[in-house]
Amino acid sequence: MPLTSAQKKSFRSIGHHLDPVVQISENGITEGALNELDRALNDHELIKVKLMSPERDERQEQLTQICESSKAELVQKIGKMALLYRRNPQTSDRLSNVRRFSE
């Protein structure tokens, strides 16, 4: 189910203080990067990703591929940073950025 505008607003305020946990190099998306992205989304639900490609169109293609392969939803994209969310009801309250910061 797509995120509502209220959810996106809440997630953007949480994501403002997060550091990127995954970086996609100029060489593109690797299997290792996708595995790390999947692990981070499972643990934290809401994560920041940094796309290092200098070309805007290439970053957009990478972001589309990342969202499709990880089944994550794009919350926000600013420049080379993207905020992604994928719900995980089984993650711990200690690890989930959504549960830790949305009070």
N, C-alpha and C. Protein backbone atom coordinates (compact mmCIF):
# COMPACT_ATOMS: atom_id res chain seq x y z
N MET A 1 0.84 -1.18 0.00
CA MET A 1 0.00 0.00 0.00
C MET A 1 0.89 1.24 0.00
N PRO A 2 0.63 2.20 -0.89
CA PRO A 2 1.46 3.40 -0.96
C PRO A 2 1.37 4.23 0.32
N LEU A 3 2.43 4.97 0.58
CA LEU A 3 2.47 5.83 1.76
C LEU A 3 1.57 7.05 1.55
N THR A 4 0.94 7.48 2.61
CA THR A 4 0.13 8.70 2.55
C THR A 4 1.06 9.91 2.65
N SER A 5 0.55 11.07 2.33
CA SER A 5 1.38 12.28 2.42
C SER A 5 1.75 12.56 3.88
N ALA A 6 0.88 12.24 4.82
CA ALA A 6 1.19 12.43 6.24
C ALA A 6 2.31 11.50 6.69
N GLN A 7 2.29 10.25 6.22
CA GLN A 7 3.36 9.32 6.54
C GLN A 7 4.69 9.79 5.96
N LYS A 8 4.66 10.24 4.70
CA LYS A 8 5.88 10.73 4.07
C LYS A 8 6.44 11.93 4.82
N LYS A 9 5.56 12.81 5.25
CA LYS A 9 6.01 13.98 6.01
C LYS A 9 6.68 13.56 7.31
N SER A 10 6.08 12.62 8.00
CA SER A 10 6.65 12.11 9.25
C SER A 10 7.99 11.43 8.99
N PHE A 11 8.07 10.62 7.95
CA PHE A 11 9.31 9.92 7.63
C PHE A 11 10.41 10.89 7.20
N ARG A 12 10.04 11.97 6.49
CA ARG A 12 11.03 12.97 6.10
C ARG A 12 11.64 13.64 7.33
N SER A 13 10.81 13.92 8.33
CA SER A 13 11.35 14.55 9.54
C SER A 13 12.27 13.60 10.30
N ILE A 14 11.95 12.31 10.30
CA ILE A 14 12.82 11.31 10.93
C ILE A 14 14.11 11.17 10.11
N GLY A 15 13.97 11.09 8.80
CA GLY A 15 15.10 10.86 7.91
C GLY A 15 16.08 12.02 7.85
N HIS A 16 15.63 13.22 8.21
CA HIS A 16 16.51 14.39 8.17
C HIS A 16 17.76 14.18 9.02
N HIS A 17 17.63 13.47 10.13
CA HIS A 17 18.73 13.29 11.06
C HIS A 17 19.53 12.00 10.82
N LEU A 18 19.13 11.21 9.83
CA LEU A 18 19.82 9.95 9.56
C LEU A 18 21.03 10.16 8.65
N ASP A 19 22.02 9.31 8.82
CA ASP A 19 23.16 9.27 7.91
C ASP A 19 22.92 8.16 6.89
N PRO A 20 23.51 8.28 5.70
CA PRO A 20 23.34 7.21 4.71
C PRO A 20 23.97 5.91 5.21
N VAL A 21 23.26 4.81 5.06
CA VAL A 21 23.78 3.51 5.48
C VAL A 21 24.25 2.68 4.28
N VAL A 22 23.85 3.08 3.09
CA VAL A 22 24.28 2.39 1.87
C VAL A 22 24.70 3.45 0.87
N GLN A 23 25.84 3.21 0.20
CA GLN A 23 26.30 4.08 -0.87
C GLN A 23 26.41 3.27 -2.14
N ILE A 24 25.87 3.82 -3.21
CA ILE A 24 25.97 3.19 -4.53
C ILE A 24 27.05 3.96 -5.29
N SER A 25 28.12 3.27 -5.64
CA SER A 25 29.27 3.93 -6.27
C SER A 25 28.96 4.36 -7.69
N GLU A 26 29.90 5.10 -8.28
CA GLU A 26 29.76 5.54 -9.67
C GLU A 26 29.72 4.36 -10.62
N ASN A 27 30.23 3.20 -10.19
CA ASN A 27 30.26 2.01 -11.04
C ASN A 27 28.90 1.34 -11.14
N GLY A 28 27.94 1.75 -10.34
CA GLY A 28 26.60 1.19 -10.43
C GLY A 28 26.25 0.28 -9.27
N ILE A 29 25.13 -0.39 -9.41
CA ILE A 29 24.58 -1.24 -8.36
C ILE A 29 25.22 -2.63 -8.45
N THR A 30 25.74 -3.09 -7.32
CA THR A 30 26.33 -4.43 -7.27
C THR A 30 25.44 -5.34 -6.42
N GLU A 31 25.69 -6.62 -6.52
CA GLU A 31 24.94 -7.59 -5.72
C GLU A 31 25.17 -7.34 -4.22
N GLY A 32 26.40 -6.99 -3.87
CA GLY A 32 26.72 -6.70 -2.47
C GLY A 32 25.97 -5.49 -1.95
N ALA A 33 25.85 -4.46 -2.78
CA ALA A 33 25.10 -3.27 -2.38
C ALA A 33 23.62 -3.60 -2.18
N LEU A 34 23.07 -4.41 -3.07
CA LEU A 34 21.66 -4.81 -2.92
C LEU A 34 21.44 -5.65 -1.67
N ASN A 35 22.40 -6.53 -1.36
CA ASN A 35 22.30 -7.34 -0.14
C ASN A 35 22.35 -6.46 1.10
N GLU A 36 23.25 -5.49 1.11
CA GLU A 36 23.37 -4.57 2.25
C GLU A 36 22.12 -3.71 2.37
N LEU A 37 21.58 -3.28 1.25
CA LEU A 37 20.35 -2.50 1.24
C LEU A 37 19.20 -3.30 1.84
N ASP A 38 19.09 -4.56 1.45
CA ASP A 38 18.04 -5.43 1.98
C ASP A 38 18.18 -5.64 3.48
N ARG A 39 19.41 -5.86 3.94
CA ARG A 39 19.66 -6.04 5.37
C ARG A 39 19.30 -4.76 6.14
N ALA A 40 19.71 -3.61 5.61
CA ALA A 40 19.44 -2.34 6.28
C ALA A 40 17.94 -2.06 6.35
N LEU A 41 17.22 -2.33 5.27
CA LEU A 41 15.76 -2.13 5.29
C LEU A 41 15.08 -3.08 6.26
N ASN A 42 15.56 -4.32 6.35
CA ASN A 42 14.99 -5.27 7.31
C ASN A 42 15.20 -4.79 8.74
N ASP A 43 16.38 -4.27 9.02
CA ASP A 43 16.69 -3.84 10.38
C ASP A 43 16.06 -2.50 10.74
N HIS A 44 16.17 -1.51 9.83
CA HIS A 44 15.84 -0.14 10.18
C HIS A 44 14.54 0.40 9.57
N GLU A 45 14.01 -0.27 8.58
CA GLU A 45 12.79 0.12 7.86
C GLU A 45 12.94 1.41 7.07
N LEU A 46 13.49 2.45 7.66
CA LEU A 46 13.66 3.76 7.00
C LEU A 46 15.16 4.04 6.93
N ILE A 47 15.69 4.18 5.71
CA ILE A 47 17.13 4.38 5.55
C ILE A 47 17.42 5.45 4.51
N LYS A 48 18.61 6.02 4.61
CA LYS A 48 19.11 6.94 3.61
C LYS A 48 20.12 6.21 2.74
N VAL A 49 20.05 6.47 1.44
CA VAL A 49 20.97 5.89 0.47
C VAL A 49 21.63 7.04 -0.28
N LYS A 50 22.94 6.92 -0.48
CA LYS A 50 23.67 7.93 -1.24
C LYS A 50 24.05 7.34 -2.59
N LEU A 51 23.67 8.03 -3.65
CA LEU A 51 23.98 7.61 -5.02
C LEU A 51 25.12 8.50 -5.53
N MET A 52 26.27 7.91 -5.83
CA MET A 52 27.47 8.67 -6.15
C MET A 52 27.61 9.05 -7.61
N SER A 53 26.77 8.58 -8.48
CA SER A 53 26.86 8.88 -9.90
C SER A 53 26.71 10.39 -10.15
N PRO A 54 27.56 10.95 -11.03
CA PRO A 54 27.46 12.39 -11.30
C PRO A 54 26.28 12.76 -12.21
N GLU A 55 25.73 11.80 -12.92
CA GLU A 55 24.64 12.07 -13.86
C GLU A 55 23.26 11.89 -13.21
N ARG A 56 22.43 12.90 -13.31
CA ARG A 56 21.10 12.88 -12.71
C ARG A 56 20.24 11.74 -13.25
N ASP A 57 20.24 11.55 -14.56
CA ASP A 57 19.43 10.49 -15.17
C ASP A 57 19.88 9.11 -14.71
N GLU A 58 21.19 8.93 -14.59
CA GLU A 58 21.72 7.65 -14.13
C GLU A 58 21.33 7.39 -12.68
N ARG A 59 21.36 8.42 -11.84
CA ARG A 59 20.93 8.26 -10.44
C ARG A 59 19.46 7.88 -10.37
N GLN A 60 18.64 8.49 -11.23
CA GLN A 60 17.22 8.17 -11.24
C GLN A 60 16.98 6.73 -11.66
N GLU A 61 17.72 6.26 -12.65
CA GLU A 61 17.60 4.86 -13.08
C GLU A 61 18.03 3.91 -11.97
N GLN A 62 19.13 4.24 -11.29
CA GLN A 62 19.60 3.42 -10.18
C GLN A 62 18.56 3.38 -9.06
N LEU A 63 17.98 4.52 -8.77
CA LEU A 63 16.98 4.59 -7.71
C LEU A 63 15.74 3.77 -8.05
N THR A 64 15.32 3.82 -9.31
CA THR A 64 14.19 3.02 -9.76
C THR A 64 14.51 1.53 -9.61
N GLN A 65 15.71 1.14 -10.03
CA GLN A 65 16.12 -0.26 -9.91
C GLN A 65 16.19 -0.70 -8.45
N ILE A 66 16.71 0.15 -7.60
CA ILE A 66 16.82 -0.16 -6.17
C ILE A 66 15.43 -0.37 -5.57
N CYS A 67 14.52 0.53 -5.86
CA CYS A 67 13.16 0.43 -5.30
C CYS A 67 12.45 -0.82 -5.79
N GLU A 68 12.62 -1.15 -7.06
CA GLU A 68 11.97 -2.34 -7.60
C GLU A 68 12.55 -3.62 -7.01
N SER A 69 13.87 -3.70 -6.94
CA SER A 69 14.50 -4.94 -6.46
C SER A 69 14.33 -5.14 -4.96
N SER A 70 14.26 -4.05 -4.20
CA SER A 70 14.12 -4.18 -2.74
C SER A 70 12.68 -4.08 -2.26
N LYS A 71 11.78 -3.72 -3.17
CA LYS A 71 10.36 -3.52 -2.84
C LYS A 71 10.20 -2.41 -1.78
N ALA A 72 11.08 -1.42 -1.87
CA ALA A 72 11.02 -0.28 -0.96
C ALA A 72 10.30 0.87 -1.65
N GLU A 73 9.81 1.78 -0.85
CA GLU A 73 9.12 2.94 -1.40
C GLU A 73 9.97 4.19 -1.20
N LEU A 74 10.06 4.98 -2.23
CA LEU A 74 10.81 6.22 -2.16
C LEU A 74 10.00 7.24 -1.37
N VAL A 75 10.60 7.76 -0.31
CA VAL A 75 9.95 8.78 0.51
C VAL A 75 10.35 10.16 0.00
N GLN A 76 11.66 10.32 -0.27
CA GLN A 76 12.16 11.61 -0.70
C GLN A 76 13.49 11.43 -1.43
N LYS A 77 13.74 12.31 -2.39
CA LYS A 77 15.02 12.32 -3.08
C LYS A 77 15.46 13.76 -3.20
N ILE A 78 16.67 14.03 -2.70
CA ILE A 78 17.25 15.37 -2.82
C ILE A 78 18.68 15.19 -3.29
N GLY A 79 18.97 15.65 -4.48
CA GLY A 79 20.32 15.54 -5.02
C GLY A 79 20.76 14.09 -5.11
N LYS A 80 21.84 13.77 -4.40
CA LYS A 80 22.39 12.42 -4.43
C LYS A 80 21.89 11.56 -3.27
N MET A 81 21.00 12.08 -2.45
CA MET A 81 20.47 11.34 -1.30
C MET A 81 19.03 10.91 -1.56
N ALA A 82 18.72 9.70 -1.12
CA ALA A 82 17.35 9.20 -1.23
C ALA A 82 16.96 8.58 0.11
N LEU A 83 15.73 8.77 0.48
CA LEU A 83 15.17 8.19 1.71
C LEU A 83 14.20 7.10 1.29
N LEU A 84 14.46 5.87 1.75
CA LEU A 84 13.64 4.72 1.37
C LEU A 84 12.99 4.11 2.59
N TYR A 85 11.79 3.56 2.38
CA TYR A 85 11.05 2.91 3.47
C TYR A 85 10.51 1.57 2.98
N ARG A 86 10.66 0.57 3.83
CA ARG A 86 10.02 -0.72 3.61
C ARG A 86 9.60 -1.24 4.98
N ARG A 87 8.32 -1.47 5.15
CA ARG A 87 7.78 -1.92 6.43
C ARG A 87 8.25 -3.33 6.76
N ASN A 88 8.63 -3.52 8.01
CA ASN A 88 9.00 -4.84 8.52
C ASN A 88 8.39 -4.99 9.91
N PRO A 89 7.26 -5.70 10.03
CA PRO A 89 6.59 -5.80 11.33
C PRO A 89 7.39 -6.60 12.36
N GLN A 90 8.42 -7.32 11.92
CA GLN A 90 9.16 -8.18 12.84
C GLN A 90 10.47 -7.55 13.31
N THR A 91 10.76 -6.33 12.90
CA THR A 91 12.00 -5.70 13.34
C THR A 91 11.88 -5.27 14.80
N SER A 92 13.01 -5.17 15.47
CA SER A 92 12.99 -4.80 16.89
C SER A 92 12.79 -3.30 17.05
N ASP A 93 12.18 -2.92 18.15
CA ASP A 93 11.96 -1.50 18.44
C ASP A 93 13.29 -0.77 18.60
N ARG A 94 14.31 -1.49 19.01
CA ARG A 94 15.63 -0.90 19.23
C ARG A 94 16.30 -0.52 17.91
N LEU A 95 16.05 -1.28 16.84
CA LEU A 95 16.70 -1.03 15.55
C LEU A 95 15.89 -0.16 14.60
N SER A 96 14.59 -0.24 14.66
CA SER A 96 13.73 0.46 13.70
C SER A 96 13.81 1.97 13.89
N ASN A 97 14.22 2.69 12.83
CA ASN A 97 14.26 4.15 12.89
C ASN A 97 12.86 4.73 13.05
N VAL A 98 11.88 4.08 12.46
CA VAL A 98 10.50 4.57 12.53
C VAL A 98 9.99 4.48 13.97
N ARG A 99 10.20 3.37 14.61
CA ARG A 99 9.69 3.18 15.97
C ARG A 99 10.49 3.97 17.01
N ARG A 100 11.79 4.12 16.78
CA ARG A 100 12.63 4.83 17.76
C ARG A 100 12.34 6.33 17.74
N PHE A 101 12.08 6.92 16.59
CA PHE A 101 12.00 8.37 16.48
C PHE A 101 10.59 8.92 16.31
N SER A 102 9.59 8.08 16.15
CA SER A 102 8.23 8.60 15.93
C SER A 102 7.43 8.57 17.22
N GLU A 103 7.73 9.48 18.07
CA GLU A 103 7.01 9.55 19.35
C GLU A 103 6.56 10.95 19.59
